[in-house]
Each structure stands twice: as structure tokens, then as C-alpha cells.
Amino acid sequence: MTTESPRWFKSSYSDNGGACVEVARNLLASRGVVPVRDSKNPSGPVLDVPTDAFSLFVTGIKAGDFGTI
């Protein structure tokens, strides 16, 4: 088991008034997950998304599968 801490990253496209999420890509290899959290609440809960599911999610976003708000 690793004790490495997440290194949080927010997209450079995140200029939308604060409705952002942060991810920690540094745990992909060691834990097989992508931690995701609300950037407005950094001490709040973290969702650990399996790497395969996160990859499919990003692919869907790039393809426009989720529409716009």
C-alpha cells in the first residue's frame, strides 16, 4: 500500500465561476483510481473513480456525449 498523497489539479478550462472539480492524476498507477473532489470544498469528501471509468468519462466529454448546460 502506498502512502502517497494526492496532488490536486484543476483544468485550465475551469474559469466558470467556481463550479469546478479537481482530480489527482498521480495515483493512477499506484492505486488504480482517479480521486475527484469539489474545488470549493477541498476538505470535503473525495470520490475515487476507477481509472477505466474515468477514461470513459473523459472520452465521452471530448465526444460531446453529455451535451451542454
PDB file of N, CA and C in Angstrom:
ATOM      1  N   MET A   1       0.838  -1.177   0.000  1.00  0.00           N
ATOM      2  CA  MET A   1       0.000   0.000   0.000  1.00  0.00           C
ATOM      3  C   MET A   1       0.885   1.243   0.000  1.00  0.00           C
ATOM      4  N   THR A   2       0.460   2.246  -0.710  1.00  0.00           N
ATOM      5  CA  THR A   2       1.223   3.484  -0.798  1.00  0.00           C
ATOM      6  C   THR A   2       0.667   4.535   0.158  1.00  0.00           C
ATOM      7  N   THR A   3       1.528   5.409   0.595  1.00  0.00           N
ATOM      8  CA  THR A   3       1.095   6.500   1.460  1.00  0.00           C
ATOM      9  C   THR A   3       1.171   7.832   0.719  1.00  0.00           C
ATOM     10  N   GLU A   4       1.329   7.770  -0.578  1.00  0.00           N
ATOM     11  CA  GLU A   4       1.424   8.979  -1.386  1.00  0.00           C
ATOM     12  C   GLU A   4       0.136   9.791  -1.297  1.00  0.00           C
ATOM     13  N   SER A   5       0.290  11.094  -1.121  1.00  0.00           N
ATOM     14  CA  SER A   5      -0.855  11.993  -1.044  1.00  0.00           C
ATOM     15  C   SER A   5      -1.267  12.447  -2.442  1.00  0.00           C
ATOM     16  N   PRO A   6      -2.555  12.712  -2.636  1.00  0.00           N
ATOM     17  CA  PRO A   6      -2.999  13.216  -3.938  1.00  0.00           C
ATOM     18  C   PRO A   6      -2.393  14.589  -4.229  1.00  0.00           C
ATOM     19  N   ARG A   7      -1.993  14.788  -5.470  1.00  0.00           N
ATOM     20  CA  ARG A   7      -1.555  16.103  -5.952  1.00  0.00           C
ATOM     21  C   ARG A   7      -2.689  16.632  -6.825  1.00  0.00           C
ATOM     22  N   TRP A   8      -3.450  17.551  -6.274  1.00  0.00           N
ATOM     23  CA  TRP A   8      -4.680  18.012  -6.915  1.00  0.00           C
ATOM     24  C   TRP A   8      -4.409  18.913  -8.095  1.00  0.00           C
ATOM     25  N   PHE A   9      -5.256  18.800  -9.122  1.00  0.00           N
ATOM     26  CA  PHE A   9      -5.128  19.513 -10.385  1.00  0.00           C
ATOM     27  C   PHE A   9      -6.509  20.007 -10.784  1.00  0.00           C
ATOM     28  N   LYS A  10      -6.570  21.250 -11.208  1.00  0.00           N
ATOM     29  CA  LYS A  10      -7.809  21.802 -11.746  1.00  0.00           C
ATOM     30  C   LYS A  10      -7.552  22.187 -13.203  1.00  0.00           C
ATOM     31  N   SER A  11      -8.463  21.860 -14.080  1.00  0.00           N
ATOM     32  CA  SER A  11      -8.304  22.137 -15.501  1.00  0.00           C
ATOM     33  C   SER A  11      -8.109  23.628 -15.771  1.00  0.00           C
ATOM     34  N   SER A  12      -7.312  23.927 -16.776  1.00  0.00           N
ATOM     35  CA  SER A  12      -7.132  25.323 -17.187  1.00  0.00           C
ATOM     36  C   SER A  12      -8.406  25.878 -17.817  1.00  0.00           C
ATOM     37  N   TYR A  13      -9.361  25.022 -18.133  1.00  0.00           N
ATOM     38  CA  TYR A  13     -10.646  25.449 -18.677  1.00  0.00           C
ATOM     39  C   TYR A  13     -11.647  25.777 -17.572  1.00  0.00           C
ATOM     40  N   SER A  14     -11.232  25.766 -16.340  1.00  0.00           N
ATOM     41  CA  SER A  14     -12.128  25.894 -15.189  1.00  0.00           C
ATOM     42  C   SER A  14     -12.415  27.335 -14.798  1.00  0.00           C
ATOM     43  N   ASP A  15     -12.639  28.189 -15.735  1.00  0.00           N
ATOM     44  CA  ASP A  15     -12.962  29.580 -15.435  1.00  0.00           C
ATOM     45  C   ASP A  15     -14.473  29.778 -15.572  1.00  0.00           C
ATOM     46  N   ASN A  16     -15.233  29.047 -14.730  1.00  0.00           N
ATOM     47  CA  ASN A  16     -16.689  29.073 -14.863  1.00  0.00           C
ATOM     48  C   ASN A  16     -17.391  29.538 -13.594  1.00  0.00           C
ATOM     49  N   GLY A  17     -16.749  30.382 -12.825  1.00  0.00           N
ATOM     50  CA  GLY A  17     -17.402  30.912 -11.640  1.00  0.00           C
ATOM     51  C   GLY A  17     -17.318  30.032 -10.412  1.00  0.00           C
ATOM     52  N   GLY A  18     -16.438  29.067 -10.385  1.00  0.00           N
ATOM     53  CA  GLY A  18     -16.223  28.271  -9.190  1.00  0.00           C
ATOM     54  C   GLY A  18     -16.878  26.907  -9.163  1.00  0.00           C
ATOM     55  N   ALA A  19     -17.626  26.547 -10.181  1.00  0.00           N
ATOM     56  CA  ALA A  19     -18.260  25.223 -10.209  1.00  0.00           C
ATOM     57  C   ALA A  19     -17.285  24.223 -10.835  1.00  0.00           C
ATOM     58  N   CYS A  20     -16.219  23.914 -10.103  1.00  0.00           N
ATOM     59  CA  CYS A  20     -15.141  23.093 -10.652  1.00  0.00           C
ATOM     60  C   CYS A  20     -14.908  21.846  -9.802  1.00  0.00           C
ATOM     61  N   VAL A  21     -14.266  20.884 -10.432  1.00  0.00           N
ATOM     62  CA  VAL A  21     -13.765  19.731  -9.702  1.00  0.00           C
ATOM     63  C   VAL A  21     -12.257  19.688  -9.874  1.00  0.00           C
ATOM     64  N   GLU A  22     -11.606  19.005  -8.958  1.00  0.00           N
ATOM     65  CA  GLU A  22     -10.169  18.777  -9.037  1.00  0.00           C
ATOM     66  C   GLU A  22      -9.941  17.275  -9.077  1.00  0.00           C
ATOM     67  N   VAL A  23      -8.901  16.871  -9.775  1.00  0.00           N
ATOM     68  CA  VAL A  23      -8.534  15.464  -9.838  1.00  0.00           C
ATOM     69  C   VAL A  23      -7.072  15.318  -9.426  1.00  0.00           C
ATOM     70  N   ALA A  24      -6.696  14.111  -9.036  1.00  0.00           N
ATOM     71  CA  ALA A  24      -5.309  13.820  -8.665  1.00  0.00           C
ATOM     72  C   ALA A  24      -4.825  12.677  -9.550  1.00  0.00           C
ATOM     73  N   ARG A  25      -4.099  13.029 -10.591  1.00  0.00           N
ATOM     74  CA  ARG A  25      -3.633  12.023 -11.557  1.00  0.00           C
ATOM     75  C   ARG A  25      -2.457  11.200 -11.060  1.00  0.00           C
ATOM     76  N   ASN A  26      -1.810  11.629  -9.997  1.00  0.00           N
ATOM     77  CA  ASN A  26      -0.602  10.935  -9.550  1.00  0.00           C
ATOM     78  C   ASN A  26      -0.873   9.573  -8.908  1.00  0.00           C
ATOM     79  N   LEU A  27      -2.130   9.223  -8.679  1.00  0.00           N
ATOM     80  CA  LEU A  27      -2.431   7.939  -8.041  1.00  0.00           C
ATOM     81  C   LEU A  27      -2.929   6.884  -9.025  1.00  0.00           C
ATOM     82  N   LEU A  28      -2.871   7.184 -10.318  1.00  0.00           N
ATOM     83  CA  LEU A  28      -3.331   6.229 -11.330  1.00  0.00           C
ATOM     84  C   LEU A  28      -2.610   4.890 -11.220  1.00  0.00           C
ATOM     85  N   ALA A  29      -1.309   4.925 -11.251  1.00  0.00           N
ATOM     86  CA  ALA A  29      -0.536   3.680 -11.274  1.00  0.00           C
ATOM     87  C   ALA A  29      -0.527   2.965  -9.919  1.00  0.00           C
ATOM     88  N   SER A  30      -0.374   3.715  -8.848  1.00  0.00           N
ATOM     89  CA  SER A  30      -0.217   3.079  -7.539  1.00  0.00           C
ATOM     90  C   SER A  30      -1.527   2.572  -6.940  1.00  0.00           C
ATOM     91  N   ARG A  31      -2.633   3.239  -7.220  1.00  0.00           N
ATOM     92  CA  ARG A  31      -3.913   2.848  -6.616  1.00  0.00           C
ATOM     93  C   ARG A  31      -4.973   2.436  -7.627  1.00  0.00           C
ATOM     94  N   GLY A  32      -4.761   2.766  -8.904  1.00  0.00           N
ATOM     95  CA  GLY A  32      -5.746   2.413  -9.924  1.00  0.00           C
ATOM     96  C   GLY A  32      -7.016   3.233  -9.874  1.00  0.00           C
ATOM     97  N   VAL A  33      -6.924   4.430  -9.262  1.00  0.00           N
ATOM     98  CA  VAL A  33      -8.082   5.312  -9.159  1.00  0.00           C
ATOM     99  C   VAL A  33      -7.689   6.747  -9.504  1.00  0.00           C
ATOM    100  N   VAL A  34      -8.709   7.534  -9.834  1.00  0.00           N
ATOM    101  CA  VAL A  34      -8.541   8.967 -10.005  1.00  0.00           C
ATOM    102  C   VAL A  34      -9.408   9.630  -8.932  1.00  0.00           C
ATOM    103  N   PRO A  35      -8.799  10.165  -7.875  1.00  0.00           N
ATOM    104  CA  PRO A  35      -9.573  10.872  -6.867  1.00  0.00           C
ATOM    105  C   PRO A  35     -10.152  12.163  -7.455  1.00  0.00           C
ATOM    106  N   VAL A  36     -11.403  12.457  -7.116  1.00  0.00           N
ATOM    107  CA  VAL A  36     -12.092  13.654  -7.600  1.00  0.00           C
ATOM    108  C   VAL A  36     -12.712  14.344  -6.386  1.00  0.00           C
ATOM    109  N   ARG A  37     -12.591  15.684  -6.337  1.00  0.00           N
ATOM    110  CA  ARG A  37     -13.202  16.442  -5.244  1.00  0.00           C
ATOM    111  C   ARG A  37     -13.737  17.774  -5.765  1.00  0.00           C
ATOM    112  N   ASP A  38     -14.593  18.378  -4.984  1.00  0.00           N
ATOM    113  CA  ASP A  38     -15.158  19.697  -5.273  1.00  0.00           C
ATOM    114  C   ASP A  38     -14.112  20.749  -4.922  1.00  0.00           C
ATOM    115  N   SER A  39     -13.750  21.588  -5.880  1.00  0.00           N
ATOM    116  CA  SER A  39     -12.705  22.587  -5.625  1.00  0.00           C
ATOM    117  C   SER A  39     -13.131  23.622  -4.587  1.00  0.00           C
ATOM    118  N   LYS A  40     -14.429  23.817  -4.396  1.00  0.00           N
ATOM    119  CA  LYS A  40     -14.905  24.773  -3.403  1.00  0.00           C
ATOM    120  C   LYS A  40     -14.865  24.210  -1.993  1.00  0.00           C
ATOM    121  N   ASN A  41     -14.695  22.903  -1.864  1.00  0.00           N
ATOM    122  CA  ASN A  41     -14.698  22.247  -0.557  1.00  0.00           C
ATOM    123  C   ASN A  41     -13.536  21.244  -0.488  1.00  0.00           C
ATOM    124  N   PRO A  42     -12.297  21.735  -0.474  1.00  0.00           N
ATOM    125  CA  PRO A  42     -11.148  20.828  -0.527  1.00  0.00           C
ATOM    126  C   PRO A  42     -11.015  19.889   0.669  1.00  0.00           C
ATOM    127  N   SER A  43     -11.645  20.206   1.783  1.00  0.00           N
ATOM    128  CA  SER A  43     -11.586  19.294   2.925  1.00  0.00           C
ATOM    129  C   SER A  43     -12.791  18.355   2.963  1.00  0.00           C
ATOM    130  N   GLY A  44     -13.651  18.450   1.960  1.00  0.00           N
ATOM    131  CA  GLY A  44     -14.847  17.610   1.890  1.00  0.00           C
ATOM    132  C   GLY A  44     -14.543  16.225   1.353  1.00  0.00           C
ATOM    133  N   PRO A  45     -15.589  15.490   1.001  1.00  0.00           N
ATOM    134  CA  PRO A  45     -15.412  14.107   0.543  1.00  0.00           C
ATOM    135  C   PRO A  45     -14.680  14.016  -0.787  1.00  0.00           C
ATOM    136  N   VAL A  46     -14.035  12.878  -0.991  1.00  0.00           N
ATOM    137  CA  VAL A  46     -13.315  12.573  -2.223  1.00  0.00           C
ATOM    138  C   VAL A  46     -13.933  11.321  -2.829  1.00  0.00           C
ATOM    139  N   LEU A  47     -14.187  11.369  -4.112  1.00  0.00           N
ATOM    140  CA  LEU A  47     -14.721  10.230  -4.846  1.00  0.00           C
ATOM    141  C   LEU A  47     -13.569   9.568  -5.588  1.00  0.00           C
ATOM    142  N   ASP A  48     -13.282   8.303  -5.295  1.00  0.00           N
ATOM    143  CA  ASP A  48     -12.235   7.557  -6.001  1.00  0.00           C
ATOM    144  C   ASP A  48     -12.862   6.828  -7.179  1.00  0.00           C
ATOM    145  N   VAL A  49     -12.571   7.313  -8.385  1.00  0.00           N
ATOM    146  CA  VAL A  49     -13.141   6.750  -9.605  1.00  0.00           C
ATOM    147  C   VAL A  49     -12.125   5.780 -10.218  1.00  0.00           C
ATOM    148  N   PRO A  50     -12.525   4.537 -10.518  1.00  0.00           N
ATOM    149  CA  PRO A  50     -11.605   3.605 -11.172  1.00  0.00           C
ATOM    150  C   PRO A  50     -11.083   4.201 -12.486  1.00  0.00           C
ATOM    151  N   THR A  51      -9.828   3.923 -12.800  1.00  0.00           N
ATOM    152  CA  THR A  51      -9.202   4.541 -13.966  1.00  0.00           C
ATOM    153  C   THR A  51      -9.963   4.261 -15.261  1.00  0.00           C
ATOM    154  N   ASP A  52     -10.471   3.044 -15.449  1.00  0.00           N
ATOM    155  CA  ASP A  52     -11.211   2.729 -16.672  1.00  0.00           C
ATOM    156  C   ASP A  52     -12.467   3.585 -16.793  1.00  0.00           C
ATOM    157  N   ALA A  53     -13.196   3.741 -15.707  1.00  0.00           N
ATOM    158  CA  ALA A  53     -14.415   4.547 -15.721  1.00  0.00           C
ATOM    159  C   ALA A  53     -14.093   6.016 -15.979  1.00  0.00           C
ATOM    160  N   PHE A  54     -13.025   6.523 -15.373  1.00  0.00           N
ATOM    161  CA  PHE A  54     -12.656   7.920 -15.585  1.00  0.00           C
ATOM    162  C   PHE A  54     -12.245   8.153 -17.030  1.00  0.00           C
ATOM    163  N   SER A  55     -11.516   7.209 -17.602  1.00  0.00           N
ATOM    164  CA  SER A  55     -11.104   7.313 -19.001  1.00  0.00           C
ATOM    165  C   SER A  55     -12.315   7.360 -19.932  1.00  0.00           C
ATOM    166  N   LEU A  56     -13.297   6.499 -19.676  1.00  0.00           N
ATOM    167  CA  LEU A  56     -14.521   6.511 -20.481  1.00  0.00           C
ATOM    168  C   LEU A  56     -15.279   7.830 -20.317  1.00  0.00           C
ATOM    169  N   PHE A  57     -15.300   8.364 -19.118  1.00  0.00           N
ATOM    170  CA  PHE A  57     -15.953   9.645 -18.854  1.00  0.00           C
ATOM    171  C   PHE A  57     -15.288  10.765 -19.659  1.00  0.00           C
ATOM    172  N   VAL A  58     -13.966  10.843 -19.616  1.00  0.00           N
ATOM    173  CA  VAL A  58     -13.238  11.880 -20.356  1.00  0.00           C
ATOM    174  C   VAL A  58     -13.455  11.717 -21.857  1.00  0.00           C
ATOM    175  N   THR A  59     -13.437  10.491 -22.345  1.00  0.00           N
ATOM    176  CA  THR A  59     -13.694  10.244 -23.766  1.00  0.00           C
ATOM    177  C   THR A  59     -15.086  10.741 -24.148  1.00  0.00           C
ATOM    178  N   GLY A  60     -16.078  10.476 -23.299  1.00  0.00           N
ATOM    179  CA  GLY A  60     -17.437  10.940 -23.553  1.00  0.00           C
ATOM    180  C   GLY A  60     -17.541  12.451 -23.568  1.00  0.00           C
ATOM    181  N   ILE A  61     -16.824  13.117 -22.674  1.00  0.00           N
ATOM    182  CA  ILE A  61     -16.830  14.576 -22.654  1.00  0.00           C
ATOM    183  C   ILE A  61     -16.253  15.124 -23.966  1.00  0.00           C
ATOM    184  N   LYS A  62     -15.115  14.581 -24.358  1.00  0.00           N
ATOM    185  CA  LYS A  62     -14.473  15.043 -25.591  1.00  0.00           C
ATOM    186  C   LYS A  62     -15.343  14.805 -26.817  1.00  0.00           C
ATOM    187  N   ALA A  63     -16.143  13.749 -26.791  1.00  0.00           N
ATOM    188  CA  ALA A  63     -17.018  13.419 -27.920  1.00  0.00           C
ATOM    189  C   ALA A  63     -18.330  14.218 -27.891  1.00  0.00           C
ATOM    190  N   GLY A  64     -18.568  14.946 -26.804  1.00  0.00           N
ATOM    191  CA  GLY A  64     -19.801  15.718 -26.683  1.00  0.00           C
ATOM    192  C   GLY A  64     -21.008  14.877 -26.319  1.00  0.00           C
ATOM    193  N   ASP A  65     -20.778  13.719 -25.724  1.00  0.00           N
ATOM    194  CA  ASP A  65     -21.872  12.801 -25.388  1.00  0.00           C
ATOM    195  C   ASP A  65     -22.781  13.308 -24.284  1.00  0.00           C
ATOM    196  N   PHE A  66     -22.355  14.293 -23.522  1.00  0.00           N
ATOM    197  CA  PHE A  66     -23.131  14.728 -22.374  1.00  0.00           C
ATOM    198  C   PHE A  66     -23.846  16.060 -22.603  1.00  0.00           C
ATOM    199  N   GLY A  67     -23.729  16.630 -23.781  1.00  0.00           N
ATOM    200  CA  GLY A  67     -24.404  17.880 -24.073  1.00  0.00           C
ATOM    201  C   GLY A  67     -23.815  19.048 -23.310  1.00  0.00           C
ATOM    202  N   THR A  68     -24.579  20.113 -23.230  1.00  0.00           N
ATOM    203  CA  THR A  68     -24.131  21.304 -22.508  1.00  0.00           C
ATOM    204  C   THR A  68     -25.227  21.727 -21.536  1.00  0.00           C
ATOM    205  N   ILE A  69     -24.822  22.564 -20.611  1.00  0.00           N
ATOM    206  CA  ILE A  69     -25.772  23.064 -19.606  1.00  0.00           C
ATOM    207  C   ILE A  69     -26.416  24.336 -20.122  1.00  0.00           C
TER     208      ILE A  69
END
